[in-house]
Amino acid sequence: MSAQIKSLDAQIYNRDKICDTFYEGERPLYAEHDKYLHKVRFYPGESALKHSKNIMVKHCEFMGKYPFWHSNEIFIEQSLFTVYARAAIWYTENIAMSNCVVEAPKMFRRVSNLKIENTRFPNAGETLWMCDDVTLVNVEMRGADYVFMNCENIEIDGFKLQGNYSFQDAKNVTIRNAYLDSKDAFWGTENVTVYDSVLDGEYLGWHSKNLRLVNCTIRGEQPLCYAQDLIMENCVMEQTDLCFEYSTLNAEIKSDIISVKNPLSGSIKARSIGDIIIDKHSKNPDGCSIETEFEAKA
């Protein structure tokens, strides 16, 4: 748990407490500030804590929509957002979440300075859109189509993702120790670096700029096409075909590649390549240097 979350206990004693109760309906704690909520249940309703500030939440349960909109300085620990708490945190700044379960979709929209640790999202569709300054540590998301769309300045360490179309148009992203089961991941991204991760899904990284993959395993057909300034260092490619079409790249691959098609420029080094396709549609037939250690097996 982060030092920021650990410091909450010391601050609890200096604020008003709301404990062992429940609320329902519209805006029951509208614009509350400087409160500690412990074992509070929010039954169906809307906007329970809208425009709140400096709120600490622990062992709470949210069953109503939109509880934290236009809020600031929100700290949530060991709490549950049920499936009914959809679109729970939008237009909010300075929020930390730790050891929570979020069953609701559409979590986090236009949120800035967000830190999430040790948290599960079993139904994370359309989560984290247009957010800025986001840090994730040991997070799992499932059912997570279209996560991180149009986000900027993201740091991730320890991430399991199951969901397609992730990170579309995201910028300035660093990911470490992740397993991404995601078709069409990283489309249209800029300045993304991924370390020590598995990227499993077809059509990876199309139309990306400055995508860098280090010590990664890539799986799926037609990866990394139309990429600009792609860098791959010490990577493994498994069951990947028709790679790198119209991409500019420098790739060091320590495995075999099924096929490469019409790369635009740069260099590719691999253990072997089953088929190098340079056809009449190539825009620069001699623009990419291709080297292999061994001839591909027939």
C-alpha atoms as a PDB file:
ATOM      1  CA  MET A   1       0.000   0.000   0.000  1.00  0.00           C
ATOM      2  CA  SER A   2       1.351   3.447  -0.827  1.00  0.00           C
ATOM      3  CA  ALA A   3       2.601   5.920   1.771  1.00  0.00           C
ATOM      4  CA  GLN A   4      -0.274   8.181   0.776  1.00  0.00           C
ATOM      5  CA  ILE A   5      -2.861   5.550   1.683  1.00  0.00           C
ATOM      6  CA  LYS A   6      -0.996   4.558   4.864  1.00  0.00           C
ATOM      7  CA  SER A   7      -1.061   8.146   6.063  1.00  0.00           C
ATOM      8  CA  LEU A   8      -4.869   8.211   6.002  1.00  0.00           C
ATOM      9  CA  ASP A   9      -5.221   6.537   9.386  1.00  0.00           C
ATOM     10  CA  ALA A  10      -3.327   9.369  11.039  1.00  0.00           C
ATOM     11  CA  GLN A  11      -5.613  11.941   9.429  1.00  0.00           C
ATOM     12  CA  ILE A  12      -8.891  10.207  10.322  1.00  0.00           C
ATOM     13  CA  TYR A  13      -8.871  11.447  13.903  1.00  0.00           C
ATOM     14  CA  ASN A  14      -8.837  15.079  12.796  1.00  0.00           C
ATOM     15  CA  ARG A  15     -12.152  15.064  10.971  1.00  0.00           C
ATOM     16  CA  ASP A  16     -15.831  14.414  11.446  1.00  0.00           C
ATOM     17  CA  LYS A  17     -16.865  10.789  11.084  1.00  0.00           C
ATOM     18  CA  ILE A  18     -19.905   9.172   9.501  1.00  0.00           C
ATOM     19  CA  CYS A  19     -20.052   5.520  10.496  1.00  0.00           C
ATOM     20  CA  ASP A  20     -22.323   2.473  10.339  1.00  0.00           C
ATOM     21  CA  THR A  21     -25.228   4.083   8.504  1.00  0.00           C
ATOM     22  CA  PHE A  22     -26.838   4.244   5.074  1.00  0.00           C
ATOM     23  CA  TYR A  23     -28.120   6.804   2.589  1.00  0.00           C
ATOM     24  CA  GLU A  24     -30.391   6.667  -0.452  1.00  0.00           C
ATOM     25  CA  GLY A  25     -32.026   8.983  -2.959  1.00  0.00           C
ATOM     26  CA  GLU A  26     -30.645  12.145  -4.526  1.00  0.00           C
ATOM     27  CA  ARG A  27     -27.537  13.970  -3.258  1.00  0.00           C
ATOM     28  CA  PRO A  28     -27.641  12.907   0.411  1.00  0.00           C
ATOM     29  CA  LEU A  29     -24.126  14.221   1.112  1.00  0.00           C
ATOM     30  CA  TYR A  30     -23.912  16.911  -1.543  1.00  0.00           C
ATOM     31  CA  ALA A  31     -20.834  19.151  -1.218  1.00  0.00           C
ATOM     32  CA  GLU A  32     -19.655  17.479   1.986  1.00  0.00           C
ATOM     33  CA  HIS A  33     -16.045  18.104   2.948  1.00  0.00           C
ATOM     34  CA  ASP A  34     -13.438  16.992   5.458  1.00  0.00           C
ATOM     35  CA  LYS A  35     -15.276  13.806   6.391  1.00  0.00           C
ATOM     36  CA  TYR A  36     -14.314  10.214   7.153  1.00  0.00           C
ATOM     37  CA  LEU A  37     -16.873   7.622   5.988  1.00  0.00           C
ATOM     38  CA  HIS A  38     -16.637   4.159   7.546  1.00  0.00           C
ATOM     39  CA  LYS A  39     -19.018   1.277   6.855  1.00  0.00           C
ATOM     40  CA  VAL A  40     -21.506   3.496   5.061  1.00  0.00           C
ATOM     41  CA  ARG A  41     -23.848   2.000   2.445  1.00  0.00           C
ATOM     42  CA  PHE A  42     -25.221   4.101  -0.389  1.00  0.00           C
ATOM     43  CA  TYR A  43     -28.440   2.546  -1.679  1.00  0.00           C
ATOM     44  CA  PRO A  44     -29.956   3.343  -5.108  1.00  0.00           C
ATOM     45  CA  GLY A  45     -30.013   7.016  -5.921  1.00  0.00           C
ATOM     46  CA  GLU A  46     -27.773   9.512  -7.675  1.00  0.00           C
ATOM     47  CA  SER A  47     -24.902  11.880  -6.950  1.00  0.00           C
ATOM     48  CA  ALA A  48     -24.453  10.945  -3.301  1.00  0.00           C
ATOM     49  CA  LEU A  49     -21.230  12.924  -2.823  1.00  0.00           C
ATOM     50  CA  LYS A  50     -21.248  15.278  -5.781  1.00  0.00           C
ATOM     51  CA  HIS A  51     -18.974  18.326  -5.361  1.00  0.00           C
ATOM     52  CA  SER A  52     -17.405  16.778  -2.252  1.00  0.00           C
ATOM     53  CA  LYS A  53     -13.872  17.589  -1.110  1.00  0.00           C
ATOM     54  CA  ASN A  54     -11.311  15.915   1.127  1.00  0.00           C
ATOM     55  CA  ILE A  55     -13.324  12.770   1.796  1.00  0.00           C
ATOM     56  CA  MET A  56     -11.874   9.545   3.202  1.00  0.00           C
ATOM     57  CA  VAL A  57     -13.817   6.346   2.536  1.00  0.00           C
ATOM     58  CA  LYS A  58     -13.184   2.926   4.066  1.00  0.00           C
ATOM     59  CA  HIS A  59     -15.272  -0.284   4.083  1.00  0.00           C
ATOM     60  CA  CYS A  60     -18.122   1.428   2.215  1.00  0.00           C
ATOM     61  CA  GLU A  61     -20.516   0.097  -0.421  1.00  0.00           C
ATOM     62  CA  PHE A  62     -21.905   2.074  -3.340  1.00  0.00           C
ATOM     63  CA  MET A  63     -25.107   0.979  -5.096  1.00  0.00           C
ATOM     64  CA  GLY A  64     -26.180   4.298  -6.627  1.00  0.00           C
ATOM     65  CA  LYS A  65     -25.022   6.079  -9.767  1.00  0.00           C
ATOM     66  CA  TYR A  66     -22.611   8.991 -10.042  1.00  0.00           C
ATOM     67  CA  PRO A  67     -21.443   9.201  -6.386  1.00  0.00           C
ATOM     68  CA  PHE A  68     -18.249  11.209  -6.988  1.00  0.00           C
ATOM     69  CA  TRP A  69     -18.734  13.805  -9.730  1.00  0.00           C
ATOM     70  CA  HIS A  70     -16.851  17.107  -9.660  1.00  0.00           C
ATOM     71  CA  SER A  71     -15.080  16.072  -6.461  1.00  0.00           C
ATOM     72  CA  ASN A  72     -11.545  16.732  -5.219  1.00  0.00           C
ATOM     73  CA  GLU A  73      -9.182  14.977  -2.809  1.00  0.00           C
ATOM     74  CA  ILE A  74     -10.968  11.649  -2.494  1.00  0.00           C
ATOM     75  CA  PHE A  75      -9.341   8.640  -0.778  1.00  0.00           C
ATOM     76  CA  ILE A  76     -11.098   5.260  -1.045  1.00  0.00           C
ATOM     77  CA  GLU A  77      -9.936   2.055   0.607  1.00  0.00           C
ATOM     78  CA  GLN A  78     -11.364  -1.476   0.932  1.00  0.00           C
ATOM     79  CA  SER A  79     -14.701  -0.520  -0.600  1.00  0.00           C
ATOM     80  CA  LEU A  80     -17.119  -1.946  -3.160  1.00  0.00           C
ATOM     81  CA  PHE A  81     -18.720  -0.248  -6.149  1.00  0.00           C
ATOM     82  CA  THR A  82     -21.507  -2.583  -7.257  1.00  0.00           C
ATOM     83  CA  VAL A  83     -22.688  -2.923 -10.836  1.00  0.00           C
ATOM     84  CA  TYR A  84     -25.399  -0.344 -10.074  1.00  0.00           C
ATOM     85  CA  ALA A  85     -22.792   2.338  -9.291  1.00  0.00           C
ATOM     86  CA  ARG A  86     -22.053   2.963 -12.958  1.00  0.00           C
ATOM     87  CA  ALA A  87     -20.195   6.066 -14.049  1.00  0.00           C
ATOM     88  CA  ALA A  88     -19.189   6.536 -10.414  1.00  0.00           C
ATOM     89  CA  ILE A  89     -16.228   8.903 -10.640  1.00  0.00           C
ATOM     90  CA  TRP A  90     -16.221  11.564 -13.352  1.00  0.00           C
ATOM     91  CA  TYR A  91     -14.763  15.090 -13.572  1.00  0.00           C
ATOM     92  CA  THR A  92     -12.780  14.554 -10.366  1.00  0.00           C
ATOM     93  CA  GLU A  93      -9.236  15.498  -9.321  1.00  0.00           C
ATOM     94  CA  ASN A  94      -6.750  14.012  -6.872  1.00  0.00           C
ATOM     95  CA  ILE A  95      -8.117  10.591  -6.044  1.00  0.00           C
ATOM     96  CA  ALA A  96      -6.487   7.489  -4.566  1.00  0.00           C
ATOM     97  CA  MET A  97      -8.115   4.038  -4.512  1.00  0.00           C
ATOM     98  CA  SER A  98      -6.663   0.969  -2.800  1.00  0.00           C
ATOM     99  CA  ASN A  99      -7.802  -2.624  -2.194  1.00  0.00           C
ATOM    100  CA  CYS A 100     -11.223  -2.099  -3.760  1.00  0.00           C
ATOM    101  CA  VAL A 101     -13.551  -4.048  -6.024  1.00  0.00           C
ATOM    102  CA  VAL A 102     -15.262  -2.116  -8.812  1.00  0.00           C
ATOM    103  CA  GLU A 103     -18.058  -4.086 -10.467  1.00  0.00           C
ATOM    104  CA  ALA A 104     -19.506  -1.056 -12.241  1.00  0.00           C
ATOM    105  CA  PRO A 105     -18.647  -0.116 -15.837  1.00  0.00           C
ATOM    106  CA  LYS A 106     -17.715   3.334 -17.129  1.00  0.00           C
ATOM    107  CA  MET A 107     -15.570   4.150 -14.106  1.00  0.00           C
ATOM    108  CA  PHE A 108     -13.381   7.264 -14.302  1.00  0.00           C
ATOM    109  CA  ARG A 109     -14.072   9.841 -17.007  1.00  0.00           C
ATOM    110  CA  ARG A 110     -12.087  13.077 -17.281  1.00  0.00           C
ATOM    111  CA  VAL A 111     -10.269  12.386 -14.006  1.00  0.00           C
ATOM    112  CA  SER A 112      -6.822  13.806 -13.251  1.00  0.00           C
ATOM    113  CA  ASN A 113      -4.164  12.727 -10.748  1.00  0.00           C
ATOM    114  CA  LEU A 114      -5.539   9.249 -10.106  1.00  0.00           C
ATOM    115  CA  LYS A 115      -3.748   6.432  -8.252  1.00  0.00           C
ATOM    116  CA  ILE A 116      -5.157   2.891  -8.088  1.00  0.00           C
ATOM    117  CA  GLU A 117      -3.528   0.012  -6.178  1.00  0.00           C
ATOM    118  CA  ASN A 118      -4.440  -3.634  -5.571  1.00  0.00           C
ATOM    119  CA  THR A 119      -7.890  -3.288  -7.086  1.00  0.00           C
ATOM    120  CA  ARG A 120     -10.077  -5.533  -9.280  1.00  0.00           C
ATOM    121  CA  PHE A 121     -12.462  -4.419 -12.028  1.00  0.00           C
ATOM    122  CA  PRO A 122     -14.464  -7.511 -13.161  1.00  0.00           C
ATOM    123  CA  ASN A 123     -16.701  -5.505 -15.521  1.00  0.00           C
ATOM    124  CA  ALA A 124     -14.530  -2.625 -16.702  1.00  0.00           C
ATOM    125  CA  GLY A 125     -16.065  -1.690 -20.063  1.00  0.00           C
ATOM    126  CA  GLU A 126     -15.375   1.920 -21.099  1.00  0.00           C
ATOM    127  CA  THR A 127     -13.351   2.623 -17.967  1.00  0.00           C
ATOM    128  CA  LEU A 128     -10.721   5.371 -17.834  1.00  0.00           C
ATOM    129  CA  TRP A 129     -11.580   7.704 -20.694  1.00  0.00           C
ATOM    130  CA  MET A 130      -9.864  11.044 -21.192  1.00  0.00           C
ATOM    131  CA  CYS A 131      -7.980  10.838 -17.899  1.00  0.00           C
ATOM    132  CA  ASP A 132      -4.615  12.440 -17.136  1.00  0.00           C
ATOM    133  CA  ASP A 133      -1.811  11.563 -14.717  1.00  0.00           C
ATOM    134  CA  VAL A 134      -2.868   8.018 -13.879  1.00  0.00           C
ATOM    135  CA  THR A 135      -0.849   5.462 -11.865  1.00  0.00           C
ATOM    136  CA  LEU A 136      -1.859   1.794 -11.554  1.00  0.00           C
ATOM    137  CA  VAL A 137      -0.099  -0.792  -9.373  1.00  0.00           C
ATOM    138  CA  ASN A 138      -1.300  -4.407  -9.235  1.00  0.00           C
ATOM    139  CA  VAL A 139      -4.630  -3.911 -10.981  1.00  0.00           C
ATOM    140  CA  GLU A 140      -6.812  -6.451 -12.809  1.00  0.00           C
ATOM    141  CA  MET A 141      -9.498  -5.573 -15.360  1.00  0.00           C
ATOM    142  CA  ARG A 142     -11.852  -7.950 -17.152  1.00  0.00           C
ATOM    143  CA  GLY A 143     -14.646  -7.303 -19.621  1.00  0.00           C
ATOM    144  CA  ALA A 144     -12.639  -4.193 -20.306  1.00  0.00           C
ATOM    145  CA  ASP A 145     -13.330  -3.108 -23.888  1.00  0.00           C
ATOM    146  CA  TYR A 146     -12.154   0.414 -24.727  1.00  0.00           C
ATOM    147  CA  VAL A 147     -10.242   1.116 -21.513  1.00  0.00           C
ATOM    148  CA  PHE A 148      -7.796   4.045 -21.387  1.00  0.00           C
ATOM    149  CA  MET A 149      -9.232   5.761 -24.452  1.00  0.00           C
ATOM    150  CA  ASN A 150      -7.642   9.187 -25.030  1.00  0.00           C
ATOM    151  CA  CYS A 151      -5.742   9.086 -21.722  1.00  0.00           C
ATOM    152  CA  GLU A 152      -2.397  10.834 -21.179  1.00  0.00           C
ATOM    153  CA  ASN A 153       0.533  10.416 -18.807  1.00  0.00           C
ATOM    154  CA  ILE A 154      -0.017   6.886 -17.532  1.00  0.00           C
ATOM    155  CA  GLU A 155       2.297   4.758 -15.366  1.00  0.00           C
ATOM    156  CA  ILE A 156       1.393   1.080 -14.872  1.00  0.00           C
ATOM    157  CA  ASP A 157       3.236  -1.690 -12.991  1.00  0.00           C
ATOM    158  CA  GLY A 158       1.528  -5.039 -12.561  1.00  0.00           C
ATOM    159  CA  PHE A 159      -1.564  -5.200 -14.788  1.00  0.00           C
ATOM    160  CA  LYS A 160      -3.827  -7.992 -16.055  1.00  0.00           C
ATOM    161  CA  LEU A 161      -6.234  -6.947 -18.788  1.00  0.00           C
ATOM    162  CA  GLN A 162      -8.912  -8.843 -20.678  1.00  0.00           C
ATOM    163  CA  GLY A 163     -10.683  -6.534 -23.093  1.00  0.00           C
ATOM    164  CA  ASN A 164     -10.325  -5.296 -26.651  1.00  0.00           C
ATOM    165  CA  TYR A 165      -9.480  -1.894 -28.156  1.00  0.00           C
ATOM    166  CA  SER A 166      -7.413  -0.818 -25.159  1.00  0.00           C
ATOM    167  CA  PHE A 167      -5.365   2.394 -25.015  1.00  0.00           C
ATOM    168  CA  GLN A 168      -6.768   3.849 -28.231  1.00  0.00           C
ATOM    169  CA  ASP A 169      -5.213   7.261 -28.923  1.00  0.00           C
ATOM    170  CA  ALA A 170      -3.450   7.288 -25.526  1.00  0.00           C
ATOM    171  CA  LYS A 171      -0.260   9.336 -25.115  1.00  0.00           C
ATOM    172  CA  ASN A 172       2.785   9.133 -22.861  1.00  0.00           C
ATOM    173  CA  VAL A 173       2.265   5.679 -21.378  1.00  0.00           C
ATOM    174  CA  THR A 174       4.725   3.397 -19.548  1.00  0.00           C
ATOM    175  CA  ILE A 175       3.693  -0.180 -18.745  1.00  0.00           C
ATOM    176  CA  ARG A 176       5.678  -2.810 -16.827  1.00  0.00           C
ATOM    177  CA  ASN A 177       4.932  -6.431 -15.938  1.00  0.00           C
ATOM    178  CA  ALA A 178       1.585  -6.682 -17.696  1.00  0.00           C
ATOM    179  CA  TYR A 179      -0.488  -9.325 -19.437  1.00  0.00           C
ATOM    180  CA  LEU A 180      -2.761  -7.735 -22.029  1.00  0.00           C
ATOM    181  CA  ASP A 181      -5.328  -9.986 -23.701  1.00  0.00           C
ATOM    182  CA  SER A 182      -6.549  -7.308 -26.071  1.00  0.00           C
ATOM    183  CA  LYS A 183      -7.356  -7.136 -29.766  1.00  0.00           C
ATOM    184  CA  ASP A 184      -6.566  -3.825 -31.465  1.00  0.00           C
ATOM    185  CA  ALA A 185      -4.520  -2.543 -28.519  1.00  0.00           C
ATOM    186  CA  PHE A 186      -2.508   0.678 -28.799  1.00  0.00           C
ATOM    187  CA  TRP A 187      -4.140   1.986 -31.991  1.00  0.00           C
ATOM    188  CA  GLY A 188      -3.199   5.586 -32.699  1.00  0.00           C
ATOM    189  CA  THR A 189      -1.053   5.876 -29.569  1.00  0.00           C
ATOM    190  CA  GLU A 190       1.945   8.181 -29.135  1.00  0.00           C
ATOM    191  CA  ASN A 191       4.986   7.681 -26.916  1.00  0.00           C
ATOM    192  CA  VAL A 192       4.116   4.325 -25.372  1.00  0.00           C
ATOM    193  CA  THR A 193       6.788   2.079 -23.797  1.00  0.00           C
ATOM    194  CA  VAL A 194       6.044  -1.459 -22.596  1.00  0.00           C
ATOM    195  CA  TYR A 195       8.542  -3.522 -20.572  1.00  0.00           C
ATOM    196  CA  ASP A 196       8.542  -7.209 -19.603  1.00  0.00           C
ATOM    197  CA  SER A 197       4.982  -7.903 -20.708  1.00  0.00           C
ATOM    198  CA  VAL A 198       2.835 -10.213 -22.824  1.00  0.00           C
ATOM    199  CA  LEU A 199       0.713  -8.581 -25.536  1.00  0.00           C
ATOM    200  CA  ASP A 200      -1.785 -11.150 -26.792  1.00  0.00           C
ATOM    201  CA  GLY A 201      -4.191 -10.056 -29.497  1.00  0.00           C
ATOM    202  CA  GLU A 202      -4.413  -9.441 -33.210  1.00  0.00           C
ATOM    203  CA  TYR A 203      -3.775  -6.128 -34.969  1.00  0.00           C
ATOM    204  CA  LEU A 204      -1.538  -4.737 -32.220  1.00  0.00           C
ATOM    205  CA  GLY A 205      -0.341  -1.157 -32.425  1.00  0.00           C
ATOM    206  CA  TRP A 206      -1.605  -0.061 -35.817  1.00  0.00           C
ATOM    207  CA  HIS A 207      -1.060   3.636 -36.631  1.00  0.00           C
ATOM    208  CA  SER A 208       1.010   4.119 -33.467  1.00  0.00           C
ATOM    209  CA  LYS A 209       3.871   6.606 -33.136  1.00  0.00           C
ATOM    210  CA  ASN A 210       6.973   5.988 -31.022  1.00  0.00           C
ATOM    211  CA  LEU A 211       5.830   2.642 -29.658  1.00  0.00           C
ATOM    212  CA  ARG A 212       8.697   0.885 -27.850  1.00  0.00           C
ATOM    213  CA  LEU A 213       8.495  -2.759 -26.731  1.00  0.00           C
ATOM    214  CA  VAL A 214      11.268  -4.121 -24.486  1.00  0.00           C
ATOM    215  CA  ASN A 215      11.544  -7.786 -23.408  1.00  0.00           C
ATOM    216  CA  CYS A 216       7.977  -8.417 -24.516  1.00  0.00           C
ATOM    217  CA  THR A 217       6.134 -11.383 -26.025  1.00  0.00           C
ATOM    218  CA  ILE A 218       3.789 -10.527 -28.901  1.00  0.00           C
ATOM    219  CA  ARG A 219       1.043 -12.903 -30.052  1.00  0.00           C
ATOM    220  CA  GLY A 220      -1.595 -12.552 -32.752  1.00  0.00           C
ATOM    221  CA  GLU A 221      -1.932 -11.972 -36.450  1.00  0.00           C
ATOM    222  CA  GLN A 222      -0.942  -8.858 -38.384  1.00  0.00           C
ATOM    223  CA  PRO A 223       0.725  -6.937 -35.561  1.00  0.00           C
ATOM    224  CA  LEU A 224       2.376  -3.554 -35.731  1.00  0.00           C
ATOM    225  CA  CYS A 225       1.308  -2.296 -39.143  1.00  0.00           C
ATOM    226  CA  TYR A 226       1.334   1.369 -40.190  1.00  0.00           C
ATOM    227  CA  ALA A 227       3.484   2.085 -37.123  1.00  0.00           C
ATOM    228  CA  GLN A 228       5.817   5.068 -37.141  1.00  0.00           C
ATOM    229  CA  ASP A 229       9.209   4.830 -35.422  1.00  0.00           C
ATOM    230  CA  LEU A 230       8.494   1.468 -33.797  1.00  0.00           C
ATOM    231  CA  ILE A 231      11.287   0.039 -31.598  1.00  0.00           C
ATOM    232  CA  MET A 232      11.433  -3.567 -30.424  1.00  0.00           C
ATOM    233  CA  GLU A 233      14.232  -4.765 -28.144  1.00  0.00           C
ATOM    234  CA  ASN A 234      14.819  -8.412 -27.217  1.00  0.00           C
ATOM    235  CA  CYS A 235      11.242  -9.424 -28.017  1.00  0.00           C
ATOM    236  CA  VAL A 236       9.590 -12.757 -28.819  1.00  0.00           C
ATOM    237  CA  MET A 237       6.908 -13.101 -31.501  1.00  0.00           C
ATOM    238  CA  GLU A 238       4.611 -16.136 -31.352  1.00  0.00           C
ATOM    239  CA  GLN A 239       2.165 -17.063 -34.132  1.00  0.00           C
ATOM    240  CA  THR A 240       2.559 -13.652 -35.736  1.00  0.00           C
ATOM    241  CA  ASP A 241       2.087 -13.278 -39.471  1.00  0.00           C
ATOM    242  CA  LEU A 242       1.995 -10.430 -41.980  1.00  0.00           C
ATOM    243  CA  CYS A 243       3.908  -8.238 -39.542  1.00  0.00           C
ATOM    244  CA  PHE A 244       5.058  -4.641 -39.958  1.00  0.00           C
ATOM    245  CA  GLU A 245       3.179  -3.673 -43.139  1.00  0.00           C
ATOM    246  CA  TYR A 246       4.023  -0.044 -44.033  1.00  0.00           C
ATOM    247  CA  SER A 247       5.842   0.493 -40.714  1.00  0.00           C
ATOM    248  CA  THR A 248       9.083   2.317 -39.998  1.00  0.00           C
ATOM    249  CA  LEU A 249      10.937   0.340 -37.351  1.00  0.00           C
ATOM    250  CA  ASN A 250      14.030  -1.027 -35.699  1.00  0.00           C
ATOM    251  CA  ALA A 251      13.206  -4.494 -34.377  1.00  0.00           C
ATOM    252  CA  GLU A 252      15.384  -7.070 -32.616  1.00  0.00           C
ATOM    253  CA  ILE A 253      13.418 -10.320 -32.365  1.00  0.00           C
ATOM    254  CA  LYS A 254      14.938 -13.339 -30.631  1.00  0.00           C
ATOM    255  CA  SER A 255      12.397 -15.799 -32.046  1.00  0.00           C
ATOM    256  CA  ASP A 256      11.038 -16.962 -35.387  1.00  0.00           C
ATOM    257  CA  ILE A 257       8.470 -14.880 -37.282  1.00  0.00           C
ATOM    258  CA  ILE A 258       5.920 -16.516 -39.577  1.00  0.00           C
ATOM    259  CA  SER A 259       5.913 -13.685 -42.130  1.00  0.00           C
ATOM    260  CA  VAL A 260       6.799 -10.045 -42.692  1.00  0.00           C
ATOM    261  CA  LYS A 261       5.030  -7.928 -45.319  1.00  0.00           C
ATOM    262  CA  ASN A 262       6.081  -4.683 -46.998  1.00  0.00           C
ATOM    263  CA  PRO A 263       7.885  -2.885 -44.154  1.00  0.00           C
ATOM    264  CA  LEU A 264       8.541   0.717 -45.101  1.00  0.00           C
ATOM    265  CA  SER A 265      11.996   1.432 -43.663  1.00  0.00           C
ATOM    266  CA  GLY A 266      14.429   0.632 -40.873  1.00  0.00           C
ATOM    267  CA  SER A 267      15.709  -2.785 -39.856  1.00  0.00           C
ATOM    268  CA  ILE A 268      14.433  -6.173 -38.696  1.00  0.00           C
ATOM    269  CA  LYS A 269      16.633  -8.790 -37.039  1.00  0.00           C
ATOM    270  CA  ALA A 270      15.095 -12.156 -36.177  1.00  0.00           C
ATOM    271  CA  ARG A 271      16.039 -15.768 -35.535  1.00  0.00           C
ATOM    272  CA  SER A 272      14.244 -16.702 -38.740  1.00  0.00           C
ATOM    273  CA  ILE A 273      11.411 -15.427 -40.939  1.00  0.00           C
ATOM    274  CA  GLY A 274       9.218 -17.929 -42.739  1.00  0.00           C
ATOM    275  CA  ASP A 275       8.125 -15.606 -45.528  1.00  0.00           C
ATOM    276  CA  ILE A 276       9.339 -12.138 -46.478  1.00  0.00           C
ATOM    277  CA  ILE A 277       6.664 -10.582 -48.687  1.00  0.00           C
ATOM    278  CA  ILE A 278       7.705  -7.609 -50.814  1.00  0.00           C
ATOM    279  CA  ASP A 279       4.989  -7.327 -53.432  1.00  0.00           C
ATOM    280  CA  LYS A 280       3.892  -4.789 -56.036  1.00  0.00           C
ATOM    281  CA  HIS A 281       2.133  -2.764 -53.355  1.00  0.00           C
ATOM    282  CA  SER A 282       5.332  -2.084 -51.426  1.00  0.00           C
ATOM    283  CA  LYS A 283       5.986   1.638 -51.098  1.00  0.00           C
ATOM    284  CA  ASN A 284       9.739   1.236 -50.557  1.00  0.00           C
ATOM    285  CA  PRO A 285      10.933  -2.247 -51.604  1.00  0.00           C
ATOM    286  CA  ASP A 286      14.573  -1.778 -50.542  1.00  0.00           C
ATOM    287  CA  GLY A 287      13.926   0.539 -47.597  1.00  0.00           C
ATOM    288  CA  CYS A 288      14.123  -2.020 -44.772  1.00  0.00           C
ATOM    289  CA  SER A 289      17.141  -4.125 -43.863  1.00  0.00           C
ATOM    290  CA  ILE A 290      16.150  -7.673 -42.894  1.00  0.00           C
ATOM    291  CA  GLU A 291      18.591 -10.070 -41.207  1.00  0.00           C
ATOM    292  CA  THR A 292      18.064 -13.601 -39.882  1.00  0.00           C
ATOM    293  CA  GLU A 293      20.301 -15.988 -37.968  1.00  0.00           C
ATOM    294  CA  PHE A 294      18.894 -19.125 -39.620  1.00  0.00           C
ATOM    295  CA  GLU A 295      16.964 -20.047 -42.690  1.00  0.00           C
ATOM    296  CA  ALA A 296      13.330 -20.712 -41.930  1.00  0.00           C
ATOM    297  CA  LYS A 297      12.355 -24.381 -41.769  1.00  0.00           C
ATOM    298  CA  ALA A 298      10.215 -25.556 -44.646  1.00  0.00           C
END
